[in-house]
Amino acid sequence: MSTVVADVGRTPRAEQVGATRQQILTTAERLFAEQGLYAVSNRQISAAAGQGNNTAVGYHFGAKSDLVRAIMLRHTSRIESLRHDAVAAVAGSREVRDWVACLVRPVTTYLASSGGPTWFARFSAQVMTDPVFRVILAEEALAEDSLRHVVDNLIELLPDMPADVREDRADMVRHLIVHVCAERERALAEGTGTPRSTWDEAATGLIDAITGLWTAPYTAEPGS
């Protein structure tokens, strides 16, 4: 009997802790997206999340890097699931564009399906432009099996080019996906116009541009 009572007593507490953590994550993501990673303190996040204890963020998540990683993980599992479906749909394809679509559409589909305002794209842009925190973004991305599979297929299909050119273009692709999505997300939040009317159309434009980037000719360095 005492065990049952104890279990019942713990459940509301666990639910409360879970709700508090989610509220902190949502608030931190929004503030980081709108103001930047270093412009926002743990104290500000705690206050905006309605936590009377100014140390609530540190208590639940530890260092800022742990908080940033936790925010990323809120989203990556769903994006990973969408990418698995995209990869299955183009299995065996020898078209660069099909595999580029596997990079882009899981992200835009996720943002479109979230409903209401989103901050994840702008948060990701803030993380990507920070020399310390962008390591977290890269680690979480490379942890996804489906993403590694997409990259492997792309490398196999791309025109022959020097390793430094391929690395340079891969960096451009990452920035294109993150920052185009972030700018569209910002425009939607502010109620301003966007070049494409839907996330699906925005994805098509990105896929066209990235496919062209990957398959464009390159200029050889003198003496190479």
C-alpha atoms as a PDB file:
ATOM      1  CA  MET A   1       0.000   0.000   0.000  1.00  0.00           C
ATOM      2  CA  SER A   2       2.794   2.435   0.915  1.00  0.00           C
ATOM      3  CA  THR A   3       4.519   1.758  -2.437  1.00  0.00           C
ATOM      4  CA  VAL A   4       1.337   2.612  -4.356  1.00  0.00           C
ATOM      5  CA  VAL A   5       0.887   5.812  -2.397  1.00  0.00           C
ATOM      6  CA  ALA A   6       4.507   6.798  -3.011  1.00  0.00           C
ATOM      7  CA  ASP A   7       4.192   6.165  -6.750  1.00  0.00           C
ATOM      8  CA  VAL A   8       1.013   8.208  -6.958  1.00  0.00           C
ATOM      9  CA  GLY A   9       2.694  11.002  -5.016  1.00  0.00           C
ATOM     10  CA  ARG A  10       5.662  11.126  -7.408  1.00  0.00           C
ATOM     11  CA  THR A  11       3.666  11.338 -10.621  1.00  0.00           C
ATOM     12  CA  PRO A  12       2.386  14.934 -10.280  1.00  0.00           C
ATOM     13  CA  ARG A  13       5.890  16.037  -9.271  1.00  0.00           C
ATOM     14  CA  ALA A  14       7.420  14.388 -12.340  1.00  0.00           C
ATOM     15  CA  GLU A  15       4.781  15.987 -14.547  1.00  0.00           C
ATOM     16  CA  GLN A  16       5.445  19.381 -13.000  1.00  0.00           C
ATOM     17  CA  VAL A  17       9.199  19.050 -13.572  1.00  0.00           C
ATOM     18  CA  GLY A  18       8.598  17.973 -17.168  1.00  0.00           C
ATOM     19  CA  ALA A  19       6.270  20.926 -17.781  1.00  0.00           C
ATOM     20  CA  THR A  20       8.794  23.322 -16.242  1.00  0.00           C
ATOM     21  CA  ARG A  21      11.597  22.005 -18.432  1.00  0.00           C
ATOM     22  CA  GLN A  22       9.474  22.346 -21.563  1.00  0.00           C
ATOM     23  CA  GLN A  23       8.487  25.902 -20.638  1.00  0.00           C
ATOM     24  CA  ILE A  24      12.132  26.828 -20.110  1.00  0.00           C
ATOM     25  CA  LEU A  25      13.142  25.259 -23.438  1.00  0.00           C
ATOM     26  CA  THR A  26      10.384  27.073 -25.344  1.00  0.00           C
ATOM     27  CA  THR A  27      11.225  30.385 -23.723  1.00  0.00           C
ATOM     28  CA  ALA A  28      14.974  30.011 -24.214  1.00  0.00           C
ATOM     29  CA  GLU A  29      14.540  29.074 -27.870  1.00  0.00           C
ATOM     30  CA  ARG A  30      12.401  32.148 -28.520  1.00  0.00           C
ATOM     31  CA  LEU A  31      14.722  34.534 -26.705  1.00  0.00           C
ATOM     32  CA  PHE A  32      17.853  33.095 -28.305  1.00  0.00           C
ATOM     33  CA  ALA A  33      16.203  33.286 -31.749  1.00  0.00           C
ATOM     34  CA  GLU A  34      15.124  36.888 -31.323  1.00  0.00           C
ATOM     35  CA  GLN A  35      18.052  38.346 -29.367  1.00  0.00           C
ATOM     36  CA  GLY A  36      21.071  36.059 -29.779  1.00  0.00           C
ATOM     37  CA  LEU A  37      22.790  33.478 -27.631  1.00  0.00           C
ATOM     38  CA  TYR A  38      24.969  35.842 -25.627  1.00  0.00           C
ATOM     39  CA  ALA A  39      22.441  38.647 -25.243  1.00  0.00           C
ATOM     40  CA  VAL A  40      20.181  36.461 -23.093  1.00  0.00           C
ATOM     41  CA  SER A  41      21.087  35.350 -19.579  1.00  0.00           C
ATOM     42  CA  ASN A  42      19.809  32.370 -17.629  1.00  0.00           C
ATOM     43  CA  ARG A  43      18.195  34.848 -15.230  1.00  0.00           C
ATOM     44  CA  GLN A  44      16.241  36.439 -18.102  1.00  0.00           C
ATOM     45  CA  ILE A  45      15.108  33.037 -19.354  1.00  0.00           C
ATOM     46  CA  SER A  46      13.950  31.996 -15.879  1.00  0.00           C
ATOM     47  CA  ALA A  47      11.969  35.212 -15.438  1.00  0.00           C
ATOM     48  CA  ALA A  48      10.380  35.040 -18.902  1.00  0.00           C
ATOM     49  CA  ALA A  49       9.470  31.390 -18.290  1.00  0.00           C
ATOM     50  CA  GLY A  50       7.614  32.394 -15.124  1.00  0.00           C
ATOM     51  CA  GLN A  51      10.078  30.762 -12.743  1.00  0.00           C
ATOM     52  CA  GLY A  52      10.386  32.465  -9.381  1.00  0.00           C
ATOM     53  CA  ASN A  53      13.820  30.914  -8.886  1.00  0.00           C
ATOM     54  CA  ASN A  54      16.437  32.764 -10.955  1.00  0.00           C
ATOM     55  CA  THR A  55      18.622  29.652 -11.001  1.00  0.00           C
ATOM     56  CA  ALA A  56      15.928  27.436 -12.557  1.00  0.00           C
ATOM     57  CA  VAL A  57      17.681  27.192 -15.926  1.00  0.00           C
ATOM     58  CA  GLY A  58      20.966  26.074 -14.398  1.00  0.00           C
ATOM     59  CA  TYR A  59      19.173  23.659 -12.088  1.00  0.00           C
ATOM     60  CA  HIS A  60      17.314  21.912 -14.925  1.00  0.00           C
ATOM     61  CA  PHE A  61      19.895  22.102 -17.715  1.00  0.00           C
ATOM     62  CA  GLY A  62      23.313  23.037 -16.388  1.00  0.00           C
ATOM     63  CA  ALA A  63      25.563  25.111 -18.646  1.00  0.00           C
ATOM     64  CA  LYS A  64      24.286  27.164 -21.598  1.00  0.00           C
ATOM     65  CA  SER A  65      25.803  24.631 -24.008  1.00  0.00           C
ATOM     66  CA  ASP A  66      23.633  21.911 -22.403  1.00  0.00           C
ATOM     67  CA  LEU A  67      20.567  24.122 -22.796  1.00  0.00           C
ATOM     68  CA  VAL A  68      21.376  24.750 -26.466  1.00  0.00           C
ATOM     69  CA  ARG A  69      21.799  21.014 -27.071  1.00  0.00           C
ATOM     70  CA  ALA A  70      18.497  20.260 -25.327  1.00  0.00           C
ATOM     71  CA  ILE A  71      16.710  22.751 -27.575  1.00  0.00           C
ATOM     72  CA  MET A  72      18.222  21.122 -30.655  1.00  0.00           C
ATOM     73  CA  LEU A  73      17.151  17.665 -29.490  1.00  0.00           C
ATOM     74  CA  ARG A  74      13.533  18.817 -29.141  1.00  0.00           C
ATOM     75  CA  HIS A  75      13.380  19.136 -32.912  1.00  0.00           C
ATOM     76  CA  THR A  76      15.894  16.730 -34.423  1.00  0.00           C
ATOM     77  CA  SER A  77      13.997  13.519 -33.711  1.00  0.00           C
ATOM     78  CA  ARG A  78      10.981  14.686 -35.744  1.00  0.00           C
ATOM     79  CA  ILE A  79      13.181  15.996 -38.560  1.00  0.00           C
ATOM     80  CA  GLU A  80      15.073  12.694 -38.542  1.00  0.00           C
ATOM     81  CA  SER A  81      11.775  10.817 -38.917  1.00  0.00           C
ATOM     82  CA  LEU A  82      10.770  12.979 -41.893  1.00  0.00           C
ATOM     83  CA  ARG A  83      14.188  12.477 -43.482  1.00  0.00           C
ATOM     84  CA  HIS A  84      13.906   8.701 -43.103  1.00  0.00           C
ATOM     85  CA  ASP A  85      10.663   8.870 -45.097  1.00  0.00           C
ATOM     86  CA  ALA A  86      12.272  11.096 -47.731  1.00  0.00           C
ATOM     87  CA  VAL A  87      15.247   8.752 -48.101  1.00  0.00           C
ATOM     88  CA  ALA A  88      12.960   5.742 -48.475  1.00  0.00           C
ATOM     89  CA  ALA A  89      11.041   7.551 -51.217  1.00  0.00           C
ATOM     90  CA  VAL A  90      14.173   8.145 -53.365  1.00  0.00           C
ATOM     91  CA  ALA A  91      16.065   4.934 -52.576  1.00  0.00           C
ATOM     92  CA  GLY A  92      18.224   3.942 -55.547  1.00  0.00           C
ATOM     93  CA  SER A  93      17.941   7.325 -57.283  1.00  0.00           C
ATOM     94  CA  ARG A  94      20.945   8.535 -59.269  1.00  0.00           C
ATOM     95  CA  GLU A  95      19.718  12.136 -59.382  1.00  0.00           C
ATOM     96  CA  VAL A  96      21.564  14.727 -57.315  1.00  0.00           C
ATOM     97  CA  ARG A  97      18.364  16.743 -56.962  1.00  0.00           C
ATOM     98  CA  ASP A  98      16.545  13.873 -55.243  1.00  0.00           C
ATOM     99  CA  TRP A  99      19.186  13.667 -52.527  1.00  0.00           C
ATOM    100  CA  VAL A 100      19.349  17.436 -52.150  1.00  0.00           C
ATOM    101  CA  ALA A 101      15.592  17.329 -51.524  1.00  0.00           C
ATOM    102  CA  CYS A 102      16.300  14.905 -48.660  1.00  0.00           C
ATOM    103  CA  LEU A 103      18.439  17.623 -47.075  1.00  0.00           C
ATOM    104  CA  VAL A 104      15.889  20.406 -47.492  1.00  0.00           C
ATOM    105  CA  ARG A 105      12.311  19.144 -47.324  1.00  0.00           C
ATOM    106  CA  PRO A 106      12.428  17.465 -43.902  1.00  0.00           C
ATOM    107  CA  VAL A 107      13.362  20.845 -42.410  1.00  0.00           C
ATOM    108  CA  THR A 108      10.784  22.906 -44.290  1.00  0.00           C
ATOM    109  CA  THR A 109       8.061  20.288 -43.808  1.00  0.00           C
ATOM    110  CA  TYR A 110       8.754  20.279 -40.074  1.00  0.00           C
ATOM    111  CA  LEU A 111       8.576  24.072 -39.874  1.00  0.00           C
ATOM    112  CA  ALA A 112       5.365  24.118 -41.906  1.00  0.00           C
ATOM    113  CA  SER A 113       3.740  21.466 -39.728  1.00  0.00           C
ATOM    114  CA  SER A 114       4.567  23.165 -36.422  1.00  0.00           C
ATOM    115  CA  GLY A 115       1.662  25.597 -36.744  1.00  0.00           C
ATOM    116  CA  GLY A 116       1.700  29.150 -35.449  1.00  0.00           C
ATOM    117  CA  PRO A 117       4.936  31.046 -34.910  1.00  0.00           C
ATOM    118  CA  THR A 118       8.185  29.076 -34.872  1.00  0.00           C
ATOM    119  CA  TRP A 119      11.658  30.053 -33.691  1.00  0.00           C
ATOM    120  CA  PHE A 120      13.709  26.976 -34.534  1.00  0.00           C
ATOM    121  CA  ALA A 121      15.121  28.242 -37.847  1.00  0.00           C
ATOM    122  CA  ARG A 122      16.211  31.569 -36.327  1.00  0.00           C
ATOM    123  CA  PHE A 123      17.607  29.757 -33.285  1.00  0.00           C
ATOM    124  CA  SER A 124      19.597  27.472 -35.618  1.00  0.00           C
ATOM    125  CA  ALA A 125      20.949  30.501 -37.480  1.00  0.00           C
ATOM    126  CA  GLN A 126      22.152  32.006 -34.206  1.00  0.00           C
ATOM    127  CA  VAL A 127      23.851  28.738 -33.284  1.00  0.00           C
ATOM    128  CA  MET A 128      25.455  28.331 -36.722  1.00  0.00           C
ATOM    129  CA  THR A 129      27.062  31.773 -36.670  1.00  0.00           C
ATOM    130  CA  ASP A 130      28.571  31.258 -33.221  1.00  0.00           C
ATOM    131  CA  PRO A 131      32.063  29.684 -33.287  1.00  0.00           C
ATOM    132  CA  VAL A 132      31.495  27.876 -29.986  1.00  0.00           C
ATOM    133  CA  PHE A 133      27.937  26.648 -30.237  1.00  0.00           C
ATOM    134  CA  ARG A 134      27.922  25.658 -33.915  1.00  0.00           C
ATOM    135  CA  VAL A 135      29.922  22.573 -32.918  1.00  0.00           C
ATOM    136  CA  ILE A 136      26.777  21.373 -31.144  1.00  0.00           C
ATOM    137  CA  LEU A 137      24.730  21.897 -34.309  1.00  0.00           C
ATOM    138  CA  ALA A 138      27.237  19.858 -36.334  1.00  0.00           C
ATOM    139  CA  GLU A 139      27.403  17.076 -33.748  1.00  0.00           C
ATOM    140  CA  GLU A 140      23.640  16.682 -33.547  1.00  0.00           C
ATOM    141  CA  ALA A 141      23.293  16.745 -37.343  1.00  0.00           C
ATOM    142  CA  LEU A 142      25.964  14.107 -37.901  1.00  0.00           C
ATOM    143  CA  ALA A 143      24.395  11.903 -35.234  1.00  0.00           C
ATOM    144  CA  GLU A 144      21.430  11.330 -37.549  1.00  0.00           C
ATOM    145  CA  ASP A 145      21.755   8.091 -39.543  1.00  0.00           C
ATOM    146  CA  SER A 146      19.545   9.319 -42.361  1.00  0.00           C
ATOM    147  CA  LEU A 147      21.567  12.507 -42.847  1.00  0.00           C
ATOM    148  CA  ARG A 148      24.819  10.560 -43.113  1.00  0.00           C
ATOM    149  CA  HIS A 149      23.138   8.316 -45.689  1.00  0.00           C
ATOM    150  CA  VAL A 150      22.054  11.349 -47.734  1.00  0.00           C
ATOM    151  CA  VAL A 151      25.544  12.852 -47.625  1.00  0.00           C
ATOM    152  CA  ASP A 152      27.133   9.550 -48.684  1.00  0.00           C
ATOM    153  CA  ASN A 153      24.831   9.307 -51.707  1.00  0.00           C
ATOM    154  CA  LEU A 154      25.448  12.921 -52.670  1.00  0.00           C
ATOM    155  CA  ILE A 155      29.217  12.501 -52.562  1.00  0.00           C
ATOM    156  CA  GLU A 156      28.947   9.464 -54.804  1.00  0.00           C
ATOM    157  CA  LEU A 157      26.863  11.324 -57.401  1.00  0.00           C
ATOM    158  CA  LEU A 158      28.602  14.707 -57.437  1.00  0.00           C
ATOM    159  CA  PRO A 159      30.894  15.710 -60.306  1.00  0.00           C
ATOM    160  CA  ASP A 160      34.580  15.157 -59.642  1.00  0.00           C
ATOM    161  CA  MET A 161      36.046  18.108 -57.752  1.00  0.00           C
ATOM    162  CA  PRO A 162      38.916  18.735 -55.324  1.00  0.00           C
ATOM    163  CA  ALA A 163      38.239  18.020 -51.662  1.00  0.00           C
ATOM    164  CA  ASP A 164      38.616  21.676 -50.673  1.00  0.00           C
ATOM    165  CA  VAL A 165      36.033  22.734 -53.275  1.00  0.00           C
ATOM    166  CA  ARG A 166      33.604  20.098 -52.028  1.00  0.00           C
ATOM    167  CA  GLU A 167      34.130  21.186 -48.420  1.00  0.00           C
ATOM    168  CA  ASP A 168      33.630  24.835 -49.373  1.00  0.00           C
ATOM    169  CA  ARG A 169      30.361  24.063 -51.150  1.00  0.00           C
ATOM    170  CA  ALA A 170      29.137  21.872 -48.293  1.00  0.00           C
ATOM    171  CA  ASP A 171      29.587  24.858 -45.983  1.00  0.00           C
ATOM    172  CA  MET A 172      27.653  27.071 -48.414  1.00  0.00           C
ATOM    173  CA  VAL A 173      24.832  24.519 -48.533  1.00  0.00           C
ATOM    174  CA  ARG A 174      24.540  24.411 -44.743  1.00  0.00           C
ATOM    175  CA  HIS A 175      24.334  28.191 -44.577  1.00  0.00           C
ATOM    176  CA  LEU A 176      21.799  28.376 -47.392  1.00  0.00           C
ATOM    177  CA  ILE A 177      19.411  25.931 -45.751  1.00  0.00           C
ATOM    178  CA  VAL A 178      19.646  27.459 -42.289  1.00  0.00           C
ATOM    179  CA  HIS A 179      19.604  31.138 -43.233  1.00  0.00           C
ATOM    180  CA  VAL A 180      16.965  30.975 -45.984  1.00  0.00           C
ATOM    181  CA  CYS A 181      14.667  29.162 -43.546  1.00  0.00           C
ATOM    182  CA  ALA A 182      15.514  31.662 -40.796  1.00  0.00           C
ATOM    183  CA  GLU A 183      14.733  34.661 -43.005  1.00  0.00           C
ATOM    184  CA  ARG A 184      11.419  33.166 -44.070  1.00  0.00           C
ATOM    185  CA  GLU A 185      10.543  32.342 -40.462  1.00  0.00           C
ATOM    186  CA  ARG A 186      11.393  35.913 -39.432  1.00  0.00           C
ATOM    187  CA  ALA A 187       9.276  37.393 -42.223  1.00  0.00           C
ATOM    188  CA  LEU A 188       6.321  35.219 -41.244  1.00  0.00           C
ATOM    189  CA  ALA A 189       6.678  36.245 -37.601  1.00  0.00           C
ATOM    190  CA  GLU A 190       6.794  39.922 -38.547  1.00  0.00           C
ATOM    191  CA  GLY A 191       3.978  39.642 -41.087  1.00  0.00           C
ATOM    192  CA  THR A 192       6.104  40.862 -43.980  1.00  0.00           C
ATOM    193  CA  GLY A 193       6.225  39.513 -47.525  1.00  0.00           C
ATOM    194  CA  THR A 194       8.145  36.407 -48.537  1.00  0.00           C
ATOM    195  CA  PRO A 195       9.528  35.461 -51.981  1.00  0.00           C
ATOM    196  CA  ARG A 196       7.606  32.158 -51.897  1.00  0.00           C
ATOM    197  CA  SER A 197       4.069  31.827 -50.586  1.00  0.00           C
ATOM    198  CA  THR A 198       4.475  28.443 -48.860  1.00  0.00           C
ATOM    199  CA  TRP A 199       7.190  26.439 -47.164  1.00  0.00           C
ATOM    200  CA  ASP A 200       6.857  23.829 -49.911  1.00  0.00           C
ATOM    201  CA  GLU A 201       7.568  26.439 -52.579  1.00  0.00           C
ATOM    202  CA  ALA A 202      10.465  27.768 -50.525  1.00  0.00           C
ATOM    203  CA  ALA A 203      11.867  24.238 -50.394  1.00  0.00           C
ATOM    204  CA  THR A 204      11.631  23.911 -54.171  1.00  0.00           C
ATOM    205  CA  GLY A 205      13.597  27.125 -54.625  1.00  0.00           C
ATOM    206  CA  LEU A 206      16.250  25.982 -52.177  1.00  0.00           C
ATOM    207  CA  ILE A 207      16.549  22.582 -53.845  1.00  0.00           C
ATOM    208  CA  ASP A 208      16.980  24.217 -57.258  1.00  0.00           C
ATOM    209  CA  ALA A 209      19.687  26.540 -55.944  1.00  0.00           C
ATOM    210  CA  ILE A 210      21.589  23.884 -54.009  1.00  0.00           C
ATOM    211  CA  THR A 211      21.490  21.422 -56.893  1.00  0.00           C
ATOM    212  CA  GLY A 212      22.963  24.126 -59.111  1.00  0.00           C
ATOM    213  CA  LEU A 213      25.609  24.909 -56.514  1.00  0.00           C
ATOM    214  CA  TRP A 214      26.687  21.302 -56.168  1.00  0.00           C
ATOM    215  CA  THR A 215      26.861  20.663 -59.902  1.00  0.00           C
ATOM    216  CA  ALA A 216      28.343  23.996 -61.037  1.00  0.00           C
ATOM    217  CA  PRO A 217      31.805  24.056 -62.626  1.00  0.00           C
ATOM    218  CA  TYR A 218      34.713  25.232 -60.500  1.00  0.00           C
ATOM    219  CA  THR A 219      37.778  27.310 -61.278  1.00  0.00           C
ATOM    220  CA  ALA A 220      41.032  25.446 -60.732  1.00  0.00           C
ATOM    221  CA  GLU A 221      43.683  27.229 -58.715  1.00  0.00           C
ATOM    222  CA  PRO A 222      46.770  28.262 -60.733  1.00  0.00           C
ATOM    223  CA  GLY A 223      49.367  25.535 -60.683  1.00  0.00           C
ATOM    224  CA  SER A 224      46.953  22.878 -59.450  1.00  0.00           C
END
